[in-house]
């Protein structure tokens, strides 16, 4: 048999690009080893070393930005640290456009229950067979349980908390970039003809196949509620039983223009007086933290300056000076 011809020689530009990409992984390895406080919490050093060697090859040899993003995201998710991920919102605009601005978004909101996908809200333009509570069994022929298994390894969470990962893969329609939107789009791509073919079962048990149009990121974002920069991000209501309910889905407010302290103080003041509430419920479902807004409530009721005993564990006192040029943080104290 004739021998296969040798591969064409690699151009100097290609070789330089691969060397630079491999250097990016070396830099990440150095940063993680020097600064990451949870690097070895769920992984042994030999696992980190072996995986880093592997992803250095796959990252540098990836054919495009999409594959590099997937390689990096899967590795960071393996660390099992909920704060370690390739943050969608921190990417440069040209990277966001290349990776996330695809016509691959489902025109609905949904949540996972076990391995099942259920519609939680529908759009006016959608078929009537996609009402709230409809179960989606497959998307373009791919069973949703298979899809869930494919997406979980790219999703961040602390430790082995797969319930958290599954929750992050819900589609709430509350953010420009959501985990399901991003990774479903990157892994499965844009649907043929711009349409999703859904195998569904309605709450009354009827089984059918429906087609819905895929949306771009801009089209999905246009359907989201538009909120002013200084608008309240929490909700306060009184029940018929006279109980106040404070919904706080997030505390990431360090760069917010909303005066949340004044707003919260006013609401808490309203609990006293002649029309005093019979109780207060603070709903923090979906809250991943941020500022210590909850401490303000606890200190108010317990009349103490500090109510949460905290033990701060510090990995380093100062970052290595030669790494500072590639680091960015909201806390410059280090």
C-alpha atoms as a PDB file:
ATOM      1  CA  UNK A   1       0.000   0.000   0.000  1.00  0.00           C
ATOM      2  CA  UNK A   2       1.187   3.477  -0.789  1.00  0.00           C
ATOM      3  CA  UNK A   3       2.311   5.517   2.146  1.00  0.00           C
ATOM      4  CA  UNK A   4       0.276   8.554   3.092  1.00  0.00           C
ATOM      5  CA  UNK A   5       1.972  11.809   2.163  1.00  0.00           C
ATOM      6  CA  UNK A   6       3.438  13.687   5.099  1.00  0.00           C
ATOM      7  CA  UNK A   7       1.344  16.557   6.485  1.00  0.00           C
ATOM      8  CA  UNK A   8       2.188  19.980   5.095  1.00  0.00           C
ATOM      9  CA  UNK A   9       4.749  21.895   7.125  1.00  0.00           C
ATOM     10  CA  UNK A  10       3.296  24.190   9.743  1.00  0.00           C
ATOM     11  CA  UNK A  11       3.651  27.862   8.950  1.00  0.00           C
ATOM     12  CA  UNK A  12       5.711  30.038  11.235  1.00  0.00           C
ATOM     13  CA  UNK A  13       2.554  32.001  12.086  1.00  0.00           C
ATOM     14  CA  UNK A  14       0.673  28.834  13.089  1.00  0.00           C
ATOM     15  CA  UNK A  15       3.565  27.561  15.171  1.00  0.00           C
ATOM     16  CA  UNK A  16       3.807  30.911  16.944  1.00  0.00           C
ATOM     17  CA  UNK A  17       0.058  30.942  17.645  1.00  0.00           C
ATOM     18  CA  UNK A  18       0.169  27.432  19.139  1.00  0.00           C
ATOM     19  CA  UNK A  19       3.155  28.377  21.293  1.00  0.00           C
ATOM     20  CA  UNK A  20       1.318  31.460  22.536  1.00  0.00           C
ATOM     21  CA  UNK A  21      -1.830  29.486  23.369  1.00  0.00           C
ATOM     22  CA  UNK A  22       0.190  26.864  25.226  1.00  0.00           C
ATOM     23  CA  UNK A  23       1.826  29.722  27.118  1.00  0.00           C
ATOM     24  CA  UNK A  24      -1.626  30.926  28.200  1.00  0.00           C
ATOM     25  CA  UNK A  25      -2.217  27.584  29.917  1.00  0.00           C
ATOM     26  CA  UNK A  26       1.208  27.752  31.568  1.00  0.00           C
ATOM     27  CA  UNK A  27       0.269  31.182  32.888  1.00  0.00           C
ATOM     28  CA  UNK A  28      -3.060  29.903  34.184  1.00  0.00           C
ATOM     29  CA  UNK A  29      -1.288  26.994  35.897  1.00  0.00           C
ATOM     30  CA  UNK A  30       1.054  29.441  37.639  1.00  0.00           C
ATOM     31  CA  UNK A  31      -1.800  31.718  38.750  1.00  0.00           C
ATOM     32  CA  UNK A  32      -3.874  28.838  40.113  1.00  0.00           C
ATOM     33  CA  UNK A  33      -0.921  27.331  41.948  1.00  0.00           C
ATOM     34  CA  UNK A  34       0.005  30.659  43.530  1.00  0.00           C
ATOM     35  CA  UNK A  35      -3.403  32.124  44.315  1.00  0.00           C
ATOM     36  CA  UNK A  36      -6.360  29.728  44.144  1.00  0.00           C
ATOM     37  CA  UNK A  37      -7.417  28.833  47.715  1.00  0.00           C
ATOM     38  CA  UNK A  38      -9.457  25.771  46.726  1.00  0.00           C
ATOM     39  CA  UNK A  39      -7.275  24.238  44.040  1.00  0.00           C
ATOM     40  CA  UNK A  40      -6.623  21.062  46.017  1.00  0.00           C
ATOM     41  CA  UNK A  41      -9.854  20.914  47.990  1.00  0.00           C
ATOM     42  CA  UNK A  42     -11.518  18.382  45.688  1.00  0.00           C
ATOM     43  CA  UNK A  43      -8.574  17.336  43.488  1.00  0.00           C
ATOM     44  CA  UNK A  44      -5.179  15.825  44.257  1.00  0.00           C
ATOM     45  CA  UNK A  45      -2.082  17.583  42.923  1.00  0.00           C
ATOM     46  CA  UNK A  46      -1.420  14.730  40.498  1.00  0.00           C
ATOM     47  CA  UNK A  47      -4.924  15.168  39.033  1.00  0.00           C
ATOM     48  CA  UNK A  48      -4.320  18.868  38.491  1.00  0.00           C
ATOM     49  CA  UNK A  49      -0.903  18.276  36.918  1.00  0.00           C
ATOM     50  CA  UNK A  50      -2.156  15.523  34.613  1.00  0.00           C
ATOM     51  CA  UNK A  51      -5.220  17.484  33.522  1.00  0.00           C
ATOM     52  CA  UNK A  52      -3.259  20.684  32.957  1.00  0.00           C
ATOM     53  CA  UNK A  53      -0.819  18.829  30.723  1.00  0.00           C
ATOM     54  CA  UNK A  54      -3.735  17.404  28.763  1.00  0.00           C
ATOM     55  CA  UNK A  55      -5.621  20.669  28.322  1.00  0.00           C
ATOM     56  CA  UNK A  56      -2.434  22.464  27.327  1.00  0.00           C
ATOM     57  CA  UNK A  57      -2.326  20.222  24.254  1.00  0.00           C
ATOM     58  CA  UNK A  58      -6.068  20.365  23.549  1.00  0.00           C
ATOM     59  CA  UNK A  59      -6.313  24.130  24.131  1.00  0.00           C
ATOM     60  CA  UNK A  60      -3.355  24.958  21.887  1.00  0.00           C
ATOM     61  CA  UNK A  61      -4.510  22.496  19.246  1.00  0.00           C
ATOM     62  CA  UNK A  62      -8.185  23.496  19.262  1.00  0.00           C
ATOM     63  CA  UNK A  63      -9.386  24.560  15.797  1.00  0.00           C
ATOM     64  CA  UNK A  64     -11.246  27.671  16.927  1.00  0.00           C
ATOM     65  CA  UNK A  65     -12.251  29.937  19.795  1.00  0.00           C
ATOM     66  CA  UNK A  66     -15.381  27.888  20.546  1.00  0.00           C
ATOM     67  CA  UNK A  67     -13.400  24.723  21.232  1.00  0.00           C
ATOM     68  CA  UNK A  68     -10.843  26.608  23.338  1.00  0.00           C
ATOM     69  CA  UNK A  69     -13.639  28.109  25.430  1.00  0.00           C
ATOM     70  CA  UNK A  70     -15.144  24.650  25.956  1.00  0.00           C
ATOM     71  CA  UNK A  71     -11.778  23.128  26.924  1.00  0.00           C
ATOM     72  CA  UNK A  72     -11.149  25.907  29.436  1.00  0.00           C
ATOM     73  CA  UNK A  73     -14.684  25.847  30.860  1.00  0.00           C
ATOM     74  CA  UNK A  74     -14.650  22.086  31.384  1.00  0.00           C
ATOM     75  CA  UNK A  75     -11.329  22.250  33.201  1.00  0.00           C
ATOM     76  CA  UNK A  76     -12.444  25.078  35.488  1.00  0.00           C
ATOM     77  CA  UNK A  77     -15.673  23.236  36.298  1.00  0.00           C
ATOM     78  CA  UNK A  78     -13.539  20.233  37.281  1.00  0.00           C
ATOM     79  CA  UNK A  79     -12.036  22.332  40.102  1.00  0.00           C
ATOM     80  CA  UNK A  80     -15.501  22.228  41.732  1.00  0.00           C
ATOM     81  CA  UNK A  81     -15.241  25.859  42.824  1.00  0.00           C
ATOM     82  CA  UNK A  82     -18.362  27.885  42.078  1.00  0.00           C
ATOM     83  CA  UNK A  83     -16.307  31.062  41.584  1.00  0.00           C
ATOM     84  CA  UNK A  84     -13.916  29.542  39.037  1.00  0.00           C
ATOM     85  CA  UNK A  85     -15.312  29.819  35.518  1.00  0.00           C
ATOM     86  CA  UNK A  86     -14.842  31.681  32.248  1.00  0.00           C
ATOM     87  CA  UNK A  87     -17.335  34.402  33.145  1.00  0.00           C
ATOM     88  CA  UNK A  88     -19.564  35.259  30.181  1.00  0.00           C
ATOM     89  CA  UNK A  89     -19.940  38.892  31.227  1.00  0.00           C
ATOM     90  CA  UNK A  90     -16.201  39.558  31.684  1.00  0.00           C
ATOM     91  CA  UNK A  91     -15.189  38.674  28.126  1.00  0.00           C
ATOM     92  CA  UNK A  92     -14.171  41.284  25.591  1.00  0.00           C
ATOM     93  CA  UNK A  93     -16.980  42.325  23.275  1.00  0.00           C
ATOM     94  CA  UNK A  94     -15.416  40.618  20.246  1.00  0.00           C
ATOM     95  CA  UNK A  95     -15.205  37.348  22.198  1.00  0.00           C
ATOM     96  CA  UNK A  96     -18.840  37.653  23.310  1.00  0.00           C
ATOM     97  CA  UNK A  97     -19.912  38.245  19.711  1.00  0.00           C
ATOM     98  CA  UNK A  98     -17.933  35.264  18.415  1.00  0.00           C
ATOM     99  CA  UNK A  99     -19.071  32.832  21.105  1.00  0.00           C
ATOM    100  CA  UNK A 100     -22.492  33.870  22.350  1.00  0.00           C
ATOM    101  CA  UNK A 101     -24.239  35.833  19.604  1.00  0.00           C
ATOM    102  CA  UNK A 102     -25.699  32.795  17.861  1.00  0.00           C
ATOM    103  CA  UNK A 103     -29.207  32.116  16.626  1.00  0.00           C
ATOM    104  CA  UNK A 104     -29.472  29.168  19.003  1.00  0.00           C
ATOM    105  CA  UNK A 105     -31.671  30.373  21.870  1.00  0.00           C
ATOM    106  CA  UNK A 106     -34.911  28.647  22.840  1.00  0.00           C
ATOM    107  CA  UNK A 107     -37.882  31.085  22.840  1.00  0.00           C
ATOM    108  CA  UNK A 108     -39.117  30.005  26.262  1.00  0.00           C
ATOM    109  CA  UNK A 109     -38.262  29.724  29.933  1.00  0.00           C
ATOM    110  CA  UNK A 110     -37.852  26.279  31.468  1.00  0.00           C
ATOM    111  CA  UNK A 111     -36.567  24.423  34.489  1.00  0.00           C
ATOM    112  CA  UNK A 112     -35.107  21.004  35.112  1.00  0.00           C
ATOM    113  CA  UNK A 113     -36.861  18.584  37.442  1.00  0.00           C
ATOM    114  CA  UNK A 114     -34.556  15.600  37.749  1.00  0.00           C
ATOM    115  CA  UNK A 115     -33.715  14.780  34.119  1.00  0.00           C
ATOM    116  CA  UNK A 116     -36.958  16.316  32.859  1.00  0.00           C
ATOM    117  CA  UNK A 117     -37.278  19.719  31.161  1.00  0.00           C
ATOM    118  CA  UNK A 118     -40.499  21.658  31.833  1.00  0.00           C
ATOM    119  CA  UNK A 119     -41.760  24.920  30.312  1.00  0.00           C
ATOM    120  CA  UNK A 120     -42.277  27.607  32.971  1.00  0.00           C
ATOM    121  CA  UNK A 121     -43.443  30.442  30.723  1.00  0.00           C
ATOM    122  CA  UNK A 122     -44.363  30.858  27.103  1.00  0.00           C
ATOM    123  CA  UNK A 123     -44.189  33.696  24.597  1.00  0.00           C
ATOM    124  CA  UNK A 124     -47.207  35.066  22.726  1.00  0.00           C
ATOM    125  CA  UNK A 125     -45.832  33.873  19.394  1.00  0.00           C
ATOM    126  CA  UNK A 126     -45.357  30.288  20.541  1.00  0.00           C
ATOM    127  CA  UNK A 127     -47.751  27.402  19.768  1.00  0.00           C
ATOM    128  CA  UNK A 128     -50.509  26.847  22.309  1.00  0.00           C
ATOM    129  CA  UNK A 129     -49.091  23.351  22.891  1.00  0.00           C
ATOM    130  CA  UNK A 130     -46.141  24.917  24.771  1.00  0.00           C
ATOM    131  CA  UNK A 131     -48.066  26.174  27.777  1.00  0.00           C
ATOM    132  CA  UNK A 132     -46.655  26.248  31.289  1.00  0.00           C
ATOM    133  CA  UNK A 133     -46.032  22.737  32.606  1.00  0.00           C
ATOM    134  CA  UNK A 134     -45.391  21.179  29.178  1.00  0.00           C
ATOM    135  CA  UNK A 135     -42.569  18.613  29.302  1.00  0.00           C
ATOM    136  CA  UNK A 136     -39.968  18.688  26.536  1.00  0.00           C
ATOM    137  CA  UNK A 137     -38.628  15.210  25.816  1.00  0.00           C
ATOM    138  CA  UNK A 138     -36.192  15.936  22.988  1.00  0.00           C
ATOM    139  CA  UNK A 139     -34.797  18.874  21.028  1.00  0.00           C
ATOM    140  CA  UNK A 140     -33.994  18.212  17.364  1.00  0.00           C
ATOM    141  CA  UNK A 141     -33.905  14.513  18.105  1.00  0.00           C
ATOM    142  CA  UNK A 142     -31.575  14.738  21.111  1.00  0.00           C
ATOM    143  CA  UNK A 143     -33.209  13.473  24.343  1.00  0.00           C
ATOM    144  CA  UNK A 144     -33.050  16.210  26.953  1.00  0.00           C
ATOM    145  CA  UNK A 145     -31.539  13.806  29.516  1.00  0.00           C
ATOM    146  CA  UNK A 146     -28.639  13.279  27.080  1.00  0.00           C
ATOM    147  CA  UNK A 147     -28.375  17.037  26.660  1.00  0.00           C
ATOM    148  CA  UNK A 148     -28.316  17.582  30.430  1.00  0.00           C
ATOM    149  CA  UNK A 149     -25.521  15.036  30.840  1.00  0.00           C
ATOM    150  CA  UNK A 150     -23.522  16.819  28.127  1.00  0.00           C
ATOM    151  CA  UNK A 151     -23.955  20.271  29.703  1.00  0.00           C
ATOM    152  CA  UNK A 152     -23.335  19.481  33.387  1.00  0.00           C
ATOM    153  CA  UNK A 153     -19.532  19.042  33.044  1.00  0.00           C
ATOM    154  CA  UNK A 154     -19.255  22.656  31.873  1.00  0.00           C
ATOM    155  CA  UNK A 155     -21.333  24.133  34.700  1.00  0.00           C
ATOM    156  CA  UNK A 156     -19.804  25.619  37.833  1.00  0.00           C
ATOM    157  CA  UNK A 157     -20.662  24.676  41.429  1.00  0.00           C
ATOM    158  CA  UNK A 158     -18.947  24.044  44.747  1.00  0.00           C
ATOM    159  CA  UNK A 159     -18.033  20.426  45.400  1.00  0.00           C
ATOM    160  CA  UNK A 160     -20.312  17.670  44.128  1.00  0.00           C
ATOM    161  CA  UNK A 161     -23.447  19.819  44.183  1.00  0.00           C
ATOM    162  CA  UNK A 162     -25.023  18.690  40.908  1.00  0.00           C
ATOM    163  CA  UNK A 163     -28.351  20.134  42.079  1.00  0.00           C
ATOM    164  CA  UNK A 164     -26.699  23.554  41.876  1.00  0.00           C
ATOM    165  CA  UNK A 165     -25.368  22.798  38.404  1.00  0.00           C
ATOM    166  CA  UNK A 166     -28.795  21.669  37.245  1.00  0.00           C
ATOM    167  CA  UNK A 167     -30.336  24.830  38.719  1.00  0.00           C
ATOM    168  CA  UNK A 168     -27.878  27.013  36.798  1.00  0.00           C
ATOM    169  CA  UNK A 169     -28.997  25.255  33.606  1.00  0.00           C
ATOM    170  CA  UNK A 170     -32.573  26.471  34.088  1.00  0.00           C
ATOM    171  CA  UNK A 171     -33.703  29.136  31.621  1.00  0.00           C
ATOM    172  CA  UNK A 172     -35.202  31.985  33.622  1.00  0.00           C
ATOM    173  CA  UNK A 173     -35.137  34.740  31.037  1.00  0.00           C
ATOM    174  CA  UNK A 174     -33.640  37.111  33.604  1.00  0.00           C
ATOM    175  CA  UNK A 175     -30.113  37.533  32.256  1.00  0.00           C
ATOM    176  CA  UNK A 176     -28.500  38.306  28.926  1.00  0.00           C
ATOM    177  CA  UNK A 177     -26.267  35.232  29.132  1.00  0.00           C
ATOM    178  CA  UNK A 178     -27.479  32.043  30.816  1.00  0.00           C
ATOM    179  CA  UNK A 179     -25.595  28.776  31.158  1.00  0.00           C
ATOM    180  CA  UNK A 180     -28.008  26.696  29.075  1.00  0.00           C
ATOM    181  CA  UNK A 181     -28.113  29.294  26.306  1.00  0.00           C
ATOM    182  CA  UNK A 182     -24.339  29.557  26.116  1.00  0.00           C
ATOM    183  CA  UNK A 183     -23.266  25.920  26.322  1.00  0.00           C
ATOM    184  CA  UNK A 184     -26.201  24.504  24.391  1.00  0.00           C
ATOM    185  CA  UNK A 185     -25.333  26.928  21.609  1.00  0.00           C
ATOM    186  CA  UNK A 186     -21.626  26.096  21.697  1.00  0.00           C
ATOM    187  CA  UNK A 187     -22.065  22.312  21.807  1.00  0.00           C
ATOM    188  CA  UNK A 188     -25.109  21.793  19.553  1.00  0.00           C
ATOM    189  CA  UNK A 189     -24.809  24.890  17.372  1.00  0.00           C
ATOM    190  CA  UNK A 190     -27.556  26.725  15.539  1.00  0.00           C
ATOM    191  CA  UNK A 191     -30.552  24.525  14.626  1.00  0.00           C
ATOM    192  CA  UNK A 192     -31.076  23.631  10.950  1.00  0.00           C
ATOM    193  CA  UNK A 193     -33.210  26.222   9.211  1.00  0.00           C
ATOM    194  CA  UNK A 194     -33.306  28.314  12.378  1.00  0.00           C
ATOM    195  CA  UNK A 195     -36.016  26.111  13.921  1.00  0.00           C
ATOM    196  CA  UNK A 196     -36.142  23.863  16.988  1.00  0.00           C
ATOM    197  CA  UNK A 197     -38.124  20.634  16.655  1.00  0.00           C
ATOM    198  CA  UNK A 198     -39.477  19.767  20.100  1.00  0.00           C
ATOM    199  CA  UNK A 199     -40.997  16.484  21.245  1.00  0.00           C
ATOM    200  CA  UNK A 200     -43.473  17.585  23.920  1.00  0.00           C
ATOM    201  CA  UNK A 201     -46.069  16.263  26.343  1.00  0.00           C
ATOM    202  CA  UNK A 202     -48.635  18.748  27.607  1.00  0.00           C
ATOM    203  CA  UNK A 203     -49.987  18.692  31.184  1.00  0.00           C
ATOM    204  CA  UNK A 204     -53.136  16.920  29.963  1.00  0.00           C
ATOM    205  CA  UNK A 205     -50.998  14.070  28.562  1.00  0.00           C
ATOM    206  CA  UNK A 206     -51.120  14.906  24.844  1.00  0.00           C
ATOM    207  CA  UNK A 207     -47.927  14.062  22.927  1.00  0.00           C
ATOM    208  CA  UNK A 208     -46.917  16.003  19.832  1.00  0.00           C
ATOM    209  CA  UNK A 209     -44.039  17.541  17.892  1.00  0.00           C
ATOM    210  CA  UNK A 210     -43.876  21.322  17.565  1.00  0.00           C
ATOM    211  CA  UNK A 211     -41.457  23.666  15.855  1.00  0.00           C
ATOM    212  CA  UNK A 212     -40.381  26.985  17.335  1.00  0.00           C
ATOM    213  CA  UNK A 213     -37.963  29.587  15.935  1.00  0.00           C
ATOM    214  CA  UNK A 214     -34.502  29.984  17.396  1.00  0.00           C
ATOM    215  CA  UNK A 215     -33.627  33.411  18.741  1.00  0.00           C
ATOM    216  CA  UNK A 216     -30.417  35.395  18.706  1.00  0.00           C
ATOM    217  CA  UNK A 217     -28.953  36.746  21.936  1.00  0.00           C
ATOM    218  CA  UNK A 218     -30.224  40.209  21.009  1.00  0.00           C
ATOM    219  CA  UNK A 219     -33.744  38.898  20.329  1.00  0.00           C
ATOM    220  CA  UNK A 220     -33.807  36.999  23.616  1.00  0.00           C
ATOM    221  CA  UNK A 221     -32.453  40.031  25.484  1.00  0.00           C
ATOM    222  CA  UNK A 222     -35.127  42.250  23.940  1.00  0.00           C
ATOM    223  CA  UNK A 223     -37.780  40.057  25.601  1.00  0.00           C
ATOM    224  CA  UNK A 224     -36.305  40.583  29.061  1.00  0.00           C
ATOM    225  CA  UNK A 225     -37.727  43.181  31.450  1.00  0.00           C
ATOM    226  CA  UNK A 226     -35.763  46.401  31.021  1.00  0.00           C
ATOM    227  CA  UNK A 227     -34.575  47.696  34.402  1.00  0.00           C
ATOM    228  CA  UNK A 228     -33.074  51.146  35.028  1.00  0.00           C
ATOM    229  CA  UNK A 229     -29.571  51.329  36.556  1.00  0.00           C
ATOM    230  CA  UNK A 230     -30.920  52.760  39.818  1.00  0.00           C
ATOM    231  CA  UNK A 231     -34.098  50.653  40.003  1.00  0.00           C
ATOM    232  CA  UNK A 232     -34.636  48.324  43.008  1.00  0.00           C
ATOM    233  CA  UNK A 233     -33.419  44.796  42.373  1.00  0.00           C
ATOM    234  CA  UNK A 234     -35.364  43.274  45.271  1.00  0.00           C
ATOM    235  CA  UNK A 235     -39.083  42.915  45.838  1.00  0.00           C
ATOM    236  CA  UNK A 236     -41.125  43.733  48.948  1.00  0.00           C
ATOM    237  CA  UNK A 237     -44.741  42.737  49.442  1.00  0.00           C
ATOM    238  CA  UNK A 238     -47.256  42.157  52.229  1.00  0.00           C
ATOM    239  CA  UNK A 239     -49.345  38.996  52.301  1.00  0.00           C
ATOM    240  CA  UNK A 240     -53.030  38.944  53.212  1.00  0.00           C
ATOM    241  CA  UNK A 241     -51.956  37.508  56.564  1.00  0.00           C
ATOM    242  CA  UNK A 242     -49.877  40.601  57.300  1.00  0.00           C
ATOM    243  CA  UNK A 243     -46.484  38.992  56.741  1.00  0.00           C
ATOM    244  CA  UNK A 244     -43.823  40.954  54.878  1.00  0.00           C
ATOM    245  CA  UNK A 245     -41.934  39.040  52.176  1.00  0.00           C
ATOM    246  CA  UNK A 246     -38.550  40.368  51.045  1.00  0.00           C
ATOM    247  CA  UNK A 247     -37.243  38.624  47.914  1.00  0.00           C
ATOM    248  CA  UNK A 248     -33.479  39.066  47.495  1.00  0.00           C
ATOM    249  CA  UNK A 249     -32.389  36.991  44.466  1.00  0.00           C
ATOM    250  CA  UNK A 250     -28.895  38.505  44.497  1.00  0.00           C
ATOM    251  CA  UNK A 251     -26.480  40.736  46.418  1.00  0.00           C
ATOM    252  CA  UNK A 252     -24.054  41.581  43.593  1.00  0.00           C
ATOM    253  CA  UNK A 253     -24.414  45.321  44.089  1.00  0.00           C
ATOM    254  CA  UNK A 254     -20.871  46.639  44.525  1.00  0.00           C
ATOM    255  CA  UNK A 255     -21.089  48.642  41.261  1.00  0.00           C
ATOM    256  CA  UNK A 256     -24.838  49.326  41.388  1.00  0.00           C
ATOM    257  CA  UNK A 257     -26.269  52.854  41.207  1.00  0.00           C
ATOM    258  CA  UNK A 258     -29.228  51.812  43.367  1.00  0.00           C
ATOM    259  CA  UNK A 259     -29.121  53.010  46.987  1.00  0.00           C
ATOM    260  CA  UNK A 260     -30.056  49.618  48.388  1.00  0.00           C
ATOM    261  CA  UNK A 261     -29.192  50.546  51.990  1.00  0.00           C
ATOM    262  CA  UNK A 262     -31.683  53.424  52.072  1.00  0.00           C
ATOM    263  CA  UNK A 263     -34.328  51.273  50.342  1.00  0.00           C
ATOM    264  CA  UNK A 264     -33.815  48.408  52.789  1.00  0.00           C
ATOM    265  CA  UNK A 265     -33.817  50.704  55.803  1.00  0.00           C
ATOM    266  CA  UNK A 266     -37.120  52.258  54.715  1.00  0.00           C
ATOM    267  CA  UNK A 267     -38.738  48.833  54.264  1.00  0.00           C
ATOM    268  CA  UNK A 268     -37.528  47.555  57.626  1.00  0.00           C
ATOM    269  CA  UNK A 269     -38.738  50.759  59.329  1.00  0.00           C
ATOM    270  CA  UNK A 270     -42.219  50.015  57.995  1.00  0.00           C
ATOM    271  CA  UNK A 271     -42.367  46.801  60.030  1.00  0.00           C
ATOM    272  CA  UNK A 272     -42.866  48.756  63.250  1.00  0.00           C
ATOM    273  CA  UNK A 273     -45.690  51.059  64.331  1.00  0.00           C
ATOM    274  CA  UNK A 274     -49.442  50.703  64.426  1.00  0.00           C
ATOM    275  CA  UNK A 275     -49.516  48.560  61.292  1.00  0.00           C
ATOM    276  CA  UNK A 276     -46.675  46.308  62.383  1.00  0.00           C
ATOM    277  CA  UNK A 277     -46.204  43.187  60.309  1.00  0.00           C
ATOM    278  CA  UNK A 278     -46.848  39.825  61.934  1.00  0.00           C
ATOM    279  CA  UNK A 279     -43.624  38.471  60.527  1.00  0.00           C
ATOM    280  CA  UNK A 280     -40.883  38.818  57.928  1.00  0.00           C
ATOM    281  CA  UNK A 281     -39.835  36.225  55.354  1.00  0.00           C
ATOM    282  CA  UNK A 282     -36.525  36.799  53.561  1.00  0.00           C
ATOM    283  CA  UNK A 283     -36.453  34.804  50.311  1.00  0.00           C
ATOM    284  CA  UNK A 284     -32.865  34.203  49.169  1.00  0.00           C
ATOM    285  CA  UNK A 285     -33.541  31.455  46.629  1.00  0.00           C
ATOM    286  CA  UNK A 286     -31.098  31.758  43.727  1.00  0.00           C
ATOM    287  CA  UNK A 287     -28.944  34.212  45.687  1.00  0.00           C
ATOM    288  CA  UNK A 288     -25.233  33.536  45.123  1.00  0.00           C
ATOM    289  CA  UNK A 289     -24.019  36.290  47.440  1.00  0.00           C
ATOM    290  CA  UNK A 290     -22.094  39.479  46.773  1.00  0.00           C
ATOM    291  CA  UNK A 291     -22.122  42.254  49.355  1.00  0.00           C
ATOM    292  CA  UNK A 292     -23.031  41.313  52.932  1.00  0.00           C
ATOM    293  CA  UNK A 293     -26.550  42.711  52.585  1.00  0.00           C
ATOM    294  CA  UNK A 294     -28.033  40.020  54.805  1.00  0.00           C
ATOM    295  CA  UNK A 295     -25.890  41.135  57.738  1.00  0.00           C
ATOM    296  CA  UNK A 296     -27.706  44.473  57.711  1.00  0.00           C
ATOM    297  CA  UNK A 297     -30.995  42.675  58.420  1.00  0.00           C
ATOM    298  CA  UNK A 298     -29.545  40.419  61.110  1.00  0.00           C
ATOM    299  CA  UNK A 299     -27.748  43.250  62.899  1.00  0.00           C
ATOM    300  CA  UNK A 300     -30.926  45.314  62.823  1.00  0.00           C
ATOM    301  CA  UNK A 301     -33.018  42.700  64.612  1.00  0.00           C
ATOM    302  CA  UNK A 302     -30.355  41.364  66.950  1.00  0.00           C
ATOM    303  CA  UNK A 303     -29.074  44.874  67.755  1.00  0.00           C
ATOM    304  CA  UNK A 304     -25.463  43.813  67.353  1.00  0.00           C
ATOM    305  CA  UNK A 305     -22.646  45.151  65.209  1.00  0.00           C
ATOM    306  CA  UNK A 306     -21.542  41.700  64.147  1.00  0.00           C
ATOM    307  CA  UNK A 307     -23.686  38.613  64.346  1.00  0.00           C
ATOM    308  CA  UNK A 308     -21.906  36.144  62.089  1.00  0.00           C
ATOM    309  CA  UNK A 309     -18.672  34.662  63.442  1.00  0.00           C
ATOM    310  CA  UNK A 310     -16.345  34.475  60.462  1.00  0.00           C
ATOM    311  CA  UNK A 311     -13.000  32.774  60.089  1.00  0.00           C
ATOM    312  CA  UNK A 312     -11.102  34.240  57.165  1.00  0.00           C
ATOM    313  CA  UNK A 313      -8.636  31.856  55.548  1.00  0.00           C
ATOM    314  CA  UNK A 314      -5.995  33.651  53.466  1.00  0.00           C
ATOM    315  CA  UNK A 315      -3.888  31.857  50.842  1.00  0.00           C
ATOM    316  CA  UNK A 316      -1.574  34.813  50.224  1.00  0.00           C
ATOM    317  CA  UNK A 317      -0.914  38.305  51.540  1.00  0.00           C
ATOM    318  CA  UNK A 318       0.242  39.795  48.249  1.00  0.00           C
ATOM    319  CA  UNK A 319       0.043  38.708  44.649  1.00  0.00           C
ATOM    320  CA  UNK A 320       3.358  37.978  42.859  1.00  0.00           C
ATOM    321  CA  UNK A 321       4.271  41.319  41.212  1.00  0.00           C
ATOM    322  CA  UNK A 322       5.004  39.779  37.794  1.00  0.00           C
ATOM    323  CA  UNK A 323       1.407  38.463  37.620  1.00  0.00           C
ATOM    324  CA  UNK A 324      -0.302  41.764  38.392  1.00  0.00           C
ATOM    325  CA  UNK A 325      -0.385  42.843  34.740  1.00  0.00           C
ATOM    326  CA  UNK A 326      -2.788  39.988  33.911  1.00  0.00           C
ATOM    327  CA  UNK A 327      -4.931  40.199  37.057  1.00  0.00           C
ATOM    328  CA  UNK A 328      -8.021  42.310  37.636  1.00  0.00           C
ATOM    329  CA  UNK A 329     -10.173  42.417  40.749  1.00  0.00           C
ATOM    330  CA  UNK A 330     -12.716  44.529  42.574  1.00  0.00           C
ATOM    331  CA  UNK A 331     -10.568  44.275  45.735  1.00  0.00           C
ATOM    332  CA  UNK A 332      -7.193  45.953  45.213  1.00  0.00           C
ATOM    333  CA  UNK A 333      -5.968  45.319  48.772  1.00  0.00           C
ATOM    334  CA  UNK A 334      -3.831  42.399  47.638  1.00  0.00           C
END
